Protein backbone atom coordinates (compact mmCIF):
# COMPACT_ATOMS: atom_id res chain seq x y z
CA UNK A 1 6.22 15.05 -26.64
CA UNK A 2 2.71 14.03 -25.55
CA UNK A 3 1.10 15.41 -22.42
CA UNK A 4 -2.25 14.11 -21.15
CA UNK A 5 -4.25 16.20 -18.80
CA UNK A 6 -5.85 14.74 -15.69
CA UNK A 7 -7.21 17.52 -13.54
CA UNK A 8 -7.06 20.99 -14.92
CA UNK A 9 -4.29 23.55 -14.58
CA UNK A 10 -6.55 26.75 -14.62
CA UNK A 11 -6.30 30.38 -14.92
CA UNK A 12 -8.72 33.22 -14.18
CA UNK A 13 -11.59 33.22 -11.57
CA UNK A 14 -14.93 31.42 -11.36
CA UNK A 15 -16.59 29.20 -13.98
CA UNK A 16 -17.19 31.83 -16.59
CA UNK A 17 -13.55 32.70 -17.14
CA UNK A 18 -11.58 29.56 -16.30
CA UNK A 19 -9.68 27.49 -18.87
CA UNK A 20 -7.34 24.55 -18.99
CA UNK A 21 -3.98 24.99 -20.68
CA UNK A 22 -1.26 22.50 -21.13
CA UNK A 23 1.83 22.22 -23.37
CA UNK A 24 4.10 24.99 -24.67
CA UNK A 25 7.27 23.45 -23.17
CA UNK A 26 10.32 22.26 -25.45
CA UNK A 27 8.74 23.24 -28.60
CA UNK A 28 5.39 21.37 -28.03
CA UNK A 29 2.15 23.34 -28.81
CA UNK A 30 0.01 24.84 -26.21
CA UNK A 31 -3.55 23.61 -25.98
CA UNK A 32 -6.27 25.58 -24.20
CA UNK A 33 -9.75 24.34 -23.30
CA UNK A 34 -12.56 26.43 -22.33
CA UNK A 35 -14.43 25.67 -19.99
CA UNK A 36 -12.06 24.37 -17.65
CA UNK A 37 -11.69 20.88 -16.48
CA UNK A 38 -13.60 20.38 -13.29
CA UNK A 39 -15.90 23.44 -13.59
CA UNK A 40 -19.20 22.74 -12.02
CA UNK A 41 -21.38 25.51 -13.45
CA UNK A 42 -20.02 26.60 -16.83
CA UNK A 43 -22.12 29.13 -18.78
CA UNK A 44 -24.00 26.94 -21.32
CA UNK A 45 -24.43 29.93 -23.84
CA UNK A 46 -20.56 30.16 -24.05
CA UNK A 47 -20.25 26.73 -25.58
CA UNK A 48 -16.87 24.99 -25.84
CA UNK A 49 -13.54 26.58 -27.24
CA UNK A 50 -10.38 24.82 -27.92
CA UNK A 51 -7.19 26.70 -29.17
CA UNK A 52 -3.60 25.77 -30.02
CA UNK A 53 -0.54 27.99 -30.24
CA UNK A 54 2.58 27.02 -31.55
CA UNK A 55 1.03 24.31 -33.70
CA UNK A 56 -2.36 23.31 -35.32
CA UNK A 57 -5.35 21.25 -33.95
CA UNK A 58 -5.63 17.74 -35.16
CA UNK A 59 -8.38 15.80 -33.75
CA UNK A 60 -11.04 17.58 -31.40
CA UNK A 61 -13.68 15.41 -29.54
CA UNK A 62 -16.36 16.95 -27.51
CA UNK A 63 -18.98 14.44 -26.13
CA UNK A 64 -22.27 14.59 -24.16
CA UNK A 65 -23.51 11.21 -22.87
CA UNK A 66 -21.17 9.70 -25.62
CA UNK A 67 -22.77 11.56 -28.42
CA UNK A 68 -20.55 13.99 -30.52
CA UNK A 69 -21.01 17.82 -29.98
CA UNK A 70 -20.92 19.52 -33.38
CA UNK A 71 -18.32 22.10 -33.84
CA UNK A 72 -16.04 23.64 -36.62
CA UNK A 73 -12.39 24.51 -36.90
CA UNK A 74 -11.12 28.00 -37.98
CA UNK A 75 -9.30 28.21 -41.44
CA UNK A 76 -5.98 27.95 -40.13
CA UNK A 77 -6.97 25.10 -37.48
CA UNK A 78 -5.78 26.80 -34.47
CA UNK A 79 -9.42 27.23 -33.05
CA UNK A 80 -12.26 24.78 -32.61
CA UNK A 81 -15.79 26.04 -31.40
CA UNK A 82 -18.95 24.30 -30.77
CA UNK A 83 -21.57 25.25 -33.17
CA UNK A 84 -24.51 25.55 -30.78
CA UNK A 85 -25.05 26.42 -27.09
CA UNK A 86 -24.79 23.63 -24.51
CA UNK A 87 -27.39 21.69 -22.63
CA UNK A 88 -27.76 23.11 -18.88
CA UNK A 89 -26.72 20.57 -16.36
CA UNK A 90 -24.88 18.48 -19.09
CA UNK A 91 -21.56 16.83 -18.31
CA UNK A 92 -19.15 17.11 -21.18
CA UNK A 93 -15.86 15.48 -21.93
CA UNK A 94 -13.22 17.14 -24.19
CA UNK A 95 -10.04 15.83 -25.88
CA UNK A 96 -7.82 17.70 -28.27
CA UNK A 97 -4.58 17.20 -29.95
CA UNK A 98 -2.18 19.83 -31.35
CA UNK A 99 1.09 19.12 -33.48
CA UNK A 100 3.87 21.59 -33.75
CA UNK A 101 5.56 22.24 -37.19
CA UNK A 102 8.47 20.20 -35.87
CA UNK A 103 6.09 17.29 -35.02
CA UNK A 104 5.92 17.69 -31.41
CA UNK A 105 2.26 17.09 -30.01
CA UNK A 106 0.26 17.78 -27.07
CA UNK A 107 -2.98 15.87 -25.98
CA UNK A 108 -5.23 17.62 -23.59
CA UNK A 109 -8.37 16.22 -21.92
CA UNK A 110 -11.02 17.90 -19.69
CA UNK A 111 -14.43 17.31 -18.17
CA UNK A 112 -16.95 19.98 -16.95
CA UNK A 113 -20.57 20.46 -16.03
CA UNK A 114 -22.76 23.28 -17.17
CA UNK A 115 -25.03 25.27 -14.99
CA UNK A 116 -28.27 23.84 -14.32
CA UNK A 117 -30.38 27.10 -14.12
CA UNK A 118 -33.05 27.01 -16.70
CA UNK A 119 -35.29 29.86 -17.70
CA UNK A 120 -39.10 29.87 -17.10
CA UNK A 121 -39.35 30.85 -20.53
CA UNK A 122 -39.77 27.68 -22.62
CA UNK A 123 -40.64 26.41 -26.09
CA UNK A 124 -44.16 25.29 -25.67
CA UNK A 125 -44.44 23.61 -29.07
CA UNK A 126 -43.25 23.67 -32.84
CA UNK A 127 -45.81 23.35 -35.54
CA UNK A 128 -46.39 21.65 -37.87
CA UNK A 129 -46.46 18.32 -35.93
CA UNK A 130 -43.97 15.61 -36.38
CA UNK A 131 -44.32 13.75 -39.73
CA UNK A 132 -47.38 15.86 -40.67
CA UNK A 133 -48.11 16.59 -44.34
CA UNK A 134 -49.02 20.19 -44.80
CA UNK A 135 -49.91 22.55 -47.57
CA UNK A 136 -47.64 24.88 -49.88
CA UNK A 137 -48.65 27.86 -47.68
CA UNK A 138 -47.92 26.43 -44.42
CA UNK A 139 -45.94 28.61 -41.81
CA UNK A 140 -43.74 27.15 -39.16
CA UNK A 141 -44.43 28.24 -35.49
CA UNK A 142 -42.04 28.17 -32.62
CA UNK A 143 -44.29 28.73 -29.69
CA UNK A 144 -43.47 29.90 -26.33
CA UNK A 145 -45.28 29.43 -22.92
CA UNK A 146 -44.74 33.14 -22.03
CA UNK A 147 -43.35 36.51 -23.38
CA UNK A 148 -39.76 36.17 -24.69
CA UNK A 149 -37.32 38.97 -23.31
CA UNK A 150 -36.24 41.29 -26.02
CA UNK A 151 -32.61 40.60 -25.52
CA UNK A 152 -33.04 37.02 -26.01
CA UNK A 153 -34.78 37.11 -29.36
CA UNK A 154 -31.64 37.61 -31.59
CA UNK A 155 -29.83 34.55 -30.16
CA UNK A 156 -33.30 32.43 -30.44
CA UNK A 157 -33.76 33.35 -33.97
CA UNK A 158 -30.06 32.64 -34.79
CA UNK A 159 -30.50 29.26 -33.05
CA UNK A 160 -33.20 27.93 -35.41
CA UNK A 161 -31.82 25.52 -38.00
CA UNK A 162 -34.33 25.13 -40.96
CA UNK A 163 -33.71 22.77 -43.84
CA UNK A 164 -35.66 21.46 -46.90
CA UNK A 165 -35.35 19.44 -50.02
CA UNK A 166 -35.50 22.49 -52.12
CA UNK A 167 -33.73 25.60 -50.50
CA UNK A 168 -36.53 28.06 -49.94
CA UNK A 169 -36.24 31.71 -49.18
CA UNK A 170 -38.35 33.14 -46.30
CA UNK A 171 -38.18 35.00 -43.17
CA UNK A 172 -38.87 34.74 -39.35
CA UNK A 173 -41.30 37.29 -37.59
CA UNK A 174 -41.88 37.58 -33.92
CA UNK A 175 -45.72 37.78 -32.92
CA UNK A 176 -46.96 38.74 -29.52
CA UNK A 177 -49.60 36.92 -27.71
CA UNK A 178 -52.10 39.37 -29.12
CA UNK A 179 -50.96 38.81 -32.67
CA UNK A 180 -50.93 35.07 -32.34
CA UNK A 181 -53.82 32.86 -33.32
CA UNK A 182 -53.73 30.85 -30.26
CA UNK A 183 -52.51 33.42 -27.70
CA UNK A 184 -49.01 32.16 -27.33
CA UNK A 185 -46.07 34.33 -28.30
CA UNK A 186 -44.44 32.85 -31.31
CA UNK A 187 -41.80 33.01 -33.84
CA UNK A 188 -43.03 32.37 -37.26
CA UNK A 189 -41.31 31.36 -40.50
CA UNK A 190 -43.07 32.29 -43.78
CA UNK A 191 -41.76 31.49 -47.21
CA UNK A 192 -41.34 34.37 -49.62
CA UNK A 193 -43.32 32.20 -52.07
CA UNK A 194 -45.41 28.97 -51.48
CA UNK A 195 -43.15 25.99 -50.87
CA UNK A 196 -42.44 23.57 -53.64
CA UNK A 197 -44.74 20.54 -53.27
CA UNK A 198 -43.51 17.17 -52.29
CA UNK A 199 -40.73 17.84 -50.35
CA UNK A 200 -39.29 17.36 -46.82
CA UNK A 201 -38.57 20.18 -44.21
CA UNK A 202 -36.79 19.69 -40.92
CA UNK A 203 -36.76 22.51 -38.06
CA UNK A 204 -34.50 22.36 -34.98
CA UNK A 205 -34.66 24.98 -32.40
CA UNK A 206 -31.29 24.98 -30.46
CA UNK A 207 -32.71 26.39 -27.57
CA UNK A 208 -30.84 24.46 -24.85
CA UNK A 209 -28.09 26.82 -23.40
CA UNK A 210 -29.32 30.03 -24.90
CA UNK A 211 -29.14 32.94 -22.32
CA UNK A 212 -32.75 33.89 -21.70
CA UNK A 213 -32.43 35.85 -18.48
CA UNK A 214 -29.48 37.18 -16.38
CA UNK A 215 -28.36 33.63 -15.17
CA UNK A 216 -30.84 31.30 -16.67
CA UNK A 217 -30.77 29.40 -19.85
CA UNK A 218 -33.07 27.48 -22.35
CA UNK A 219 -33.89 24.19 -21.29
CA UNK A 220 -33.92 21.79 -24.33
CA UNK A 221 -33.67 21.56 -28.08
CA UNK A 222 -36.65 20.83 -30.05
CA UNK A 223 -36.98 19.08 -33.55
CA UNK A 224 -39.79 18.74 -35.97
CA UNK A 225 -39.66 16.97 -39.39
CA UNK A 226 -42.69 17.37 -41.74
CA UNK A 227 -43.54 17.13 -45.49
CA UNK A 228 -44.98 19.47 -47.95
CA UNK A 229 -47.76 17.60 -49.89
CA UNK A 230 -49.26 18.29 -53.19
CA UNK A 231 -50.06 21.67 -54.19
CA UNK A 232 -53.62 22.31 -53.20
CA UNK A 233 -55.27 25.80 -54.02
CA UNK A 234 -58.91 26.76 -53.44
CA UNK A 235 -60.39 29.83 -55.08
CA UNK A 236 -63.75 31.41 -53.81
CA UNK A 237 -65.50 34.03 -55.81
CA UNK A 238 -68.37 35.89 -54.02
CA UNK A 239 -69.71 37.32 -57.25
CA UNK A 240 -70.01 34.09 -59.18
CA UNK A 241 -70.65 32.01 -55.97
CA UNK A 242 -68.26 29.39 -57.02
CA UNK A 243 -65.41 27.34 -55.38
CA UNK A 244 -62.57 25.90 -57.46
CA UNK A 245 -60.23 23.58 -55.89
CA UNK A 246 -56.91 22.74 -57.79
CA UNK A 247 -54.27 20.10 -57.22
CA UNK A 248 -50.86 20.78 -58.74
CA UNK A 249 -52.36 23.32 -61.06
CA UNK A 250 -55.28 21.20 -62.23
CA UNK A 251 -58.84 21.75 -61.32
CA UNK A 252 -60.22 18.61 -59.51
CA UNK A 253 -63.50 19.90 -58.26
CA UNK A 254 -65.80 22.89 -58.55
CA UNK A 255 -69.11 23.70 -56.82
CA UNK A 256 -71.55 26.51 -55.92
CA UNK A 257 -71.30 28.24 -52.67
CA UNK A 258 -72.81 30.80 -50.48
CA UNK A 259 -70.84 33.27 -48.68
CA UNK A 260 -71.67 35.96 -45.97
CA UNK A 261 -74.80 38.11 -46.49
CA UNK A 262 -73.47 41.17 -44.51
CA UNK A 263 -75.63 43.57 -42.73
CA UNK A 264 -74.32 43.63 -39.15
CA UNK A 265 -71.62 46.32 -38.71
CA UNK A 266 -69.75 46.41 -35.23
CA UNK A 267 -66.86 48.87 -34.72
CA UNK A 268 -66.76 49.66 -38.51
CA UNK A 269 -66.61 45.97 -39.67
CA UNK A 270 -69.41 44.11 -41.24
CA UNK A 271 -69.04 40.93 -39.36
CA UNK A 272 -71.50 38.99 -41.34
CA UNK A 273 -69.26 39.37 -44.57
CA UNK A 274 -66.60 36.79 -45.56
CA UNK A 275 -63.27 38.10 -45.38
CA UNK A 276 -61.52 38.45 -48.95
CA UNK A 277 -57.81 37.61 -49.21
CA UNK A 278 -55.42 34.96 -49.02
CA UNK A 279 -56.19 32.47 -46.23
CA UNK A 280 -54.79 29.21 -44.96
CA UNK A 281 -56.66 26.09 -43.98
CA UNK A 282 -55.96 25.94 -40.15
CA UNK A 283 -57.74 22.81 -38.89
CA UNK A 284 -60.90 20.69 -39.50
CA UNK A 285 -63.87 19.62 -37.40
CA UNK A 286 -66.09 16.57 -38.35
CA UNK A 287 -68.85 18.43 -36.31
CA UNK A 288 -68.33 22.02 -35.25
CA UNK A 289 -70.61 23.98 -32.85
CA UNK A 290 -71.11 27.44 -34.07
CA UNK A 291 -72.79 30.04 -31.75
CA UNK A 292 -73.48 33.76 -32.79
CA UNK A 293 -70.75 35.93 -31.16
CA UNK A 294 -71.84 38.38 -28.72
CA UNK A 295 -75.57 37.25 -28.73
CA UNK A 296 -77.81 35.35 -26.25
CA UNK A 297 -80.82 33.25 -26.95
CA UNK A 298 -83.69 35.37 -28.21
CA UNK A 299 -81.62 38.13 -29.64
CA UNK A 300 -82.27 38.84 -33.53
CA UNK A 301 -79.76 36.74 -35.54
CA UNK A 302 -79.03 34.28 -32.63
CA UNK A 303 -77.88 30.73 -33.42
CA UNK A 304 -76.47 27.93 -31.87
CA UNK A 305 -75.88 24.98 -34.44
CA UNK A 306 -73.78 21.87 -34.94
CA UNK A 307 -72.31 22.09 -38.39
CA UNK A 308 -70.84 19.12 -40.25
CA UNK A 309 -67.51 18.82 -42.29
CA UNK A 310 -66.16 22.13 -41.36
CA UNK A 311 -62.78 23.40 -42.56
CA UNK A 312 -61.44 26.40 -40.61
CA UNK A 313 -59.64 29.39 -42.58
CA UNK A 314 -59.68 32.25 -39.97
CA UNK A 315 -59.78 32.89 -36.25
CA UNK A 316 -62.82 35.12 -36.54
CA UNK A 317 -64.89 32.18 -37.34
CA UNK A 318 -64.94 31.62 -41.10
CA UNK A 319 -65.27 27.98 -42.18
CA UNK A 320 -65.92 26.12 -45.45
CA UNK A 321 -68.58 23.74 -44.27
CA UNK A 322 -71.63 21.82 -45.22
CA UNK A 323 -74.82 23.81 -45.86
CA UNK A 324 -77.57 23.28 -43.30
CA UNK A 325 -79.88 26.08 -44.19
CA UNK A 326 -81.61 27.43 -47.56
CA UNK A 327 -80.17 25.21 -50.27
CA UNK A 328 -81.49 27.66 -52.92
CA UNK A 329 -78.65 29.83 -51.95
CA UNK A 330 -75.92 27.73 -53.23
CA UNK A 331 -74.38 28.94 -56.28
CA UNK A 332 -76.91 31.91 -56.51
CA UNK A 333 -76.66 34.37 -53.63
CA UNK A 334 -74.64 34.92 -50.52
CA UNK A 335 -76.98 34.25 -47.36
CA UNK A 336 -74.53 32.79 -44.66
CA UNK A 337 -73.26 34.29 -41.45
CA UNK A 338 -69.81 34.76 -42.84
CA UNK A 339 -68.99 31.15 -43.60
CA UNK A 340 -68.58 29.63 -47.02
CA UNK A 341 -71.50 27.04 -47.33
CA UNK A 342 -71.12 24.00 -49.57
CA UNK A 343 -73.19 20.98 -50.68
CA UNK A 344 -72.67 18.13 -48.06
CA UNK A 345 -70.62 15.82 -50.58
CA UNK A 346 -68.26 18.66 -51.47
CA UNK A 347 -67.90 19.80 -47.83
CA UNK A 348 -66.98 16.32 -46.84
CA UNK A 349 -64.63 15.90 -49.76
CA UNK A 350 -62.59 19.19 -49.06
CA UNK A 351 -62.44 18.03 -45.35
CA UNK A 352 -60.61 14.75 -46.45
CA UNK A 353 -58.63 16.24 -49.21
CA UNK A 354 -57.16 19.43 -47.64
CA UNK A 355 -54.10 19.76 -45.51
CA UNK A 356 -53.32 22.34 -43.01
CA UNK A 357 -51.63 25.28 -44.81
CA UNK A 358 -53.64 24.99 -48.04
CA UNK A 359 -54.10 28.25 -49.74
CA UNK A 360 -57.54 29.56 -49.85
CA UNK A 361 -58.15 32.89 -51.94
CA UNK A 362 -61.32 34.52 -51.43
CA UNK A 363 -62.50 37.47 -53.72
CA UNK A 364 -65.43 39.80 -54.17
CA UNK A 365 -66.39 40.82 -50.67
CA UNK A 366 -65.91 44.19 -48.95
CA UNK A 367 -64.32 42.79 -45.81
CA UNK A 368 -60.55 42.39 -46.15
CA UNK A 369 -58.60 39.67 -44.17
CA UNK A 370 -56.38 41.13 -41.53
CA UNK A 371 -52.98 39.40 -41.46
CA UNK A 372 -53.32 38.60 -37.86
CA UNK A 373 -56.79 36.98 -38.19
CA UNK A 374 -55.69 33.19 -38.12
CA UNK A 375 -52.78 32.44 -40.53
CA UNK A 376 -53.43 35.34 -42.82
CA UNK A 377 -49.82 35.97 -43.12
CA UNK A 378 -49.65 36.02 -46.92
CA UNK A 379 -51.76 39.25 -46.66
CA UNK A 380 -48.40 40.96 -45.82
CA UNK A 381 -45.95 41.63 -48.56
CA UNK A 382 -42.84 39.66 -47.95
CA UNK A 383 -41.00 43.08 -47.39
CA UNK A 384 -43.08 43.99 -44.42
CA UNK A 385 -43.00 40.43 -43.18
CA UNK A 386 -39.21 40.53 -42.90
CA UNK A 387 -39.33 43.72 -40.72
CA UNK A 388 -40.95 41.38 -37.90
CA UNK A 389 -37.46 39.64 -37.57
CA UNK A 390 -35.31 41.21 -35.13
CA UNK A 391 -32.28 40.21 -37.50
CA UNK A 392 -34.00 42.23 -40.11
CA UNK A 393 -33.08 39.82 -43.00
CA UNK A 394 -34.57 36.97 -45.03
CA UNK A 395 -32.94 33.49 -44.71
CA UNK A 396 -32.81 30.54 -47.01
CA UNK A 397 -33.24 27.09 -45.86
CA UNK A 398 -30.33 24.80 -46.03
CA UNK A 399 -30.60 21.81 -48.48
CA UNK A 400 -31.63 18.37 -46.71
C-alpha cells in the first residue's frame, strides 16, 4: 500500500506540538513527521523528526530552497532527525517512505514554515578571515554583537563545527567583552598545541535556529575556511638583546633589538617594560601612530610619533617596529617605551614575512604578559583554558 499525504492530518495543539501522521492501516507502517504539514511558525530549534512504526524508514528527504537538509537515521532506521537547527522563516519540504516487514509501504509528504522571530544577539564576525593564511598559534574567534544569554551558550558551543586537515585537540572558551581584545563578547577556540603547519581549517557556526531567548532564534549560519601557513616562531631575549626568527624550525633571520627600559610604575605595573611570555602577532601597520598613554604634550615622557613597519603583539601597545630613536641601543641595551625596536630592514622584513597568529616568545623582563592582553591565550595552561568552556571538555577537530 502507498499513501501520499497532501494536507496534514495533525494531532496536538499549536505549532510547537503538532505533527503529521499517516499509515498504519492494513499492516502498512505509520509515518510521523514533525513539524506538521501546514505549520506556519514551527520552532527552528526543534529541527525535523521523522519516525516509523510497524516498519523501517527508507528514503527521507528534507529540503530548503531545493538544498538537502542534513540528518541521520537511528541505528534501527525507525527515526530520522535533522543534524542542526533550522533557518528562521525557512520553507521546508519533507518526504519520507517506510516499509513494513511484509513489504507494504507508506510515503508521507509535508511542508511547513519556521518562525521568523530572530534574536537581537547575532554573530558579528568569525576570525580568521575567509581564505586567510595564519600562524600556528592562531585562535578561532566567534564574535557576537552583544552579550550572549547564559542559557544559550551550551547550544551555541555545540553548534560550532570545526574541521582541519590534521585532527587537532583544542577547547572553546567564552570571553566577556571586558576580556576580549576588541570589546566584543566572544567564543574562542585554542589548540592544545600549536596547529600543524600547512593545512586547511574550516569553521561553521550553525547559529540559525538556535534558541537564544524565550521565543527568538539565531538568524544565520556563518562559515570560514582558512589555512595554517608555515611554522613561524620569534624568540626575543631582553638579556641578550637579540631576536631570532625561525621558519619550520630553521633560523632564517636574527638581529639586535632594544626592549622597554622600565621605570614608570602605575598600579603596581611598570608600563615601560616589555611583557614577557608567549605572544601572538595580531596585526600589522605600515605606519603606526604611537602616543604616550595618559599623558599630554609637555608632560615628562610624552611622545606622539609615527612609527614604520609595526607588527603588533599585545593590546597594551607592544609592537615589533622600526627603530626611530637612538640606534646605539639596538643589540646593546633596552631603551624603548615598551616596544621591541628593530633595524629598519629587519622590521620591514618581519612585517612582510609574518602571519597573524605567529608565536612570539619574549623572555628576560620583569613584566608578565596577562592572558587577556591581546591574544595572550597561550599564557594559560590548557587545563585552565578548558574551564572556560560551558561544556567543560576539550574537542578534537574532525578531518577535512
